[in-house]
């Protein structure tokens, strides 16, 4: 898949994945890599930025499989931002799909 496509939607995907429940970094990486091939190092800088921007809070939780895990919890601000991005994506992808359909049929 085109790298620029992935970069453009990665933030949206991370926010949506974390909206249902708190997630830890590797869990997010794993969920994303099931859909797209991507480097693990791509997600952590994004999580750091989204946390610094106030869209996530973090906490450590003990793990039975190793060291404590850092979990990411979407804030109210993060929820609002995610909904804005989802609305933008729906509008944008609908327009792209229309252009593709028109271009492919003409």
Protein backbone atom coordinates (compact mmCIF):
# COMPACT_ATOMS: atom_id res chain seq x y z
CA UNK A 1 0.00 0.00 0.00
CA UNK A 2 1.15 3.51 -0.74
CA UNK A 3 3.11 4.97 2.18
CA UNK A 4 1.47 8.39 1.86
CA UNK A 5 -2.00 6.81 2.10
CA UNK A 6 -1.01 5.10 5.36
CA UNK A 7 0.57 8.22 6.85
CA UNK A 8 -2.55 10.20 6.11
CA UNK A 9 -4.93 7.87 7.94
CA UNK A 10 -2.73 6.49 10.71
CA UNK A 11 -3.74 9.18 13.21
CA UNK A 12 -7.41 8.54 12.53
CA UNK A 13 -6.97 4.77 12.90
CA UNK A 14 -5.08 5.09 16.20
CA UNK A 15 -7.76 7.37 17.65
CA UNK A 16 -10.60 5.11 16.52
CA UNK A 17 -8.91 1.96 17.85
CA UNK A 18 -8.42 3.63 21.24
CA UNK A 19 -11.95 5.01 21.39
CA UNK A 20 -13.54 1.71 22.39
CA UNK A 21 -11.17 0.94 25.25
CA UNK A 22 -7.76 1.87 26.60
CA UNK A 23 -4.94 0.35 24.55
CA UNK A 24 -1.23 -0.13 25.02
CA UNK A 25 1.25 0.76 22.29
CA UNK A 26 2.13 -2.71 21.03
CA UNK A 27 -1.55 -3.64 20.93
CA UNK A 28 -2.22 -0.66 18.65
CA UNK A 29 0.77 -1.56 16.47
CA UNK A 30 -0.47 -5.14 16.19
CA UNK A 31 -4.04 -4.10 15.28
CA UNK A 32 -2.77 -1.71 12.63
CA UNK A 33 -0.24 -4.15 11.17
CA UNK A 34 -3.03 -6.70 10.68
CA UNK A 35 -4.53 -4.25 8.15
CA UNK A 36 -1.43 -2.59 6.67
CA UNK A 37 2.24 -3.50 6.67
CA UNK A 38 4.00 -0.90 8.77
CA UNK A 39 7.00 -0.39 10.99
CA UNK A 40 6.43 -0.49 14.73
CA UNK A 41 8.43 2.73 15.12
CA UNK A 42 5.80 4.65 13.15
CA UNK A 43 3.14 4.51 15.86
CA UNK A 44 5.08 5.51 18.98
CA UNK A 45 6.02 9.05 17.84
CA UNK A 46 2.37 9.55 16.85
CA UNK A 47 1.18 8.38 20.29
CA UNK A 48 3.66 10.74 21.95
CA UNK A 49 2.44 13.68 19.85
CA UNK A 50 -1.24 12.90 20.43
CA UNK A 51 -0.54 12.65 24.17
CA UNK A 52 1.36 15.96 24.16
CA UNK A 53 -1.56 17.55 22.27
CA UNK A 54 -3.93 16.44 25.04
CA UNK A 55 -5.81 13.77 23.09
CA UNK A 56 -4.54 10.91 25.27
CA UNK A 57 -3.67 10.41 28.88
CA UNK A 58 -1.42 7.52 29.85
CA UNK A 59 -1.00 5.20 32.79
CA UNK A 60 1.09 2.14 33.59
CA UNK A 61 -0.53 -1.20 34.31
CA UNK A 62 1.20 -4.37 35.48
CA UNK A 63 1.44 -7.16 32.92
CA UNK A 64 1.61 -10.89 33.53
CA UNK A 65 3.81 -11.19 30.44
CA UNK A 66 6.65 -8.82 31.31
CA UNK A 67 7.18 -5.24 32.42
CA UNK A 68 4.28 -2.84 33.08
CA UNK A 69 2.54 -1.58 29.95
CA UNK A 70 1.79 2.04 29.15
CA UNK A 71 -1.89 2.37 28.30
CA UNK A 72 -3.41 5.19 26.29
CA UNK A 73 -6.82 6.57 27.21
CA UNK A 74 -8.65 8.93 24.88
CA UNK A 75 -9.56 12.22 26.57
CA UNK A 76 -12.77 14.16 25.92
CA UNK A 77 -10.73 16.42 23.65
CA UNK A 78 -9.42 13.31 21.89
CA UNK A 79 -12.97 12.03 21.40
CA UNK A 80 -14.02 15.33 19.81
CA UNK A 81 -10.92 15.37 17.59
CA UNK A 82 -11.53 11.76 16.53
CA UNK A 83 -15.13 12.58 15.55
CA UNK A 84 -13.90 15.55 13.49
CA UNK A 85 -11.40 13.33 11.70
CA UNK A 86 -14.03 10.63 11.07
CA UNK A 87 -16.38 13.22 9.57
CA UNK A 88 -13.53 14.60 7.43
CA UNK A 89 -12.61 11.09 6.30
CA UNK A 90 -16.19 10.20 5.34
CA UNK A 91 -16.51 13.38 3.28
CA UNK A 92 -13.05 13.01 1.71
CA UNK A 93 -13.32 9.30 0.90
CA UNK A 94 -16.79 9.78 -0.57
CA UNK A 95 -15.43 12.43 -2.93
CA UNK A 96 -12.48 10.24 -3.92
CA UNK A 97 -14.79 7.29 -4.56
CA UNK A 98 -17.03 9.45 -6.76
CA UNK A 99 -14.05 10.63 -8.78
CA UNK A 100 -12.82 7.05 -9.21
CA UNK A 101 -16.26 5.86 -10.30
CA UNK A 102 -16.67 8.72 -12.75
CA UNK A 103 -13.15 8.32 -14.10
CA UNK A 104 -13.36 4.55 -14.49
CA UNK A 105 -16.73 4.65 -16.26
CA UNK A 106 -15.78 7.41 -18.67
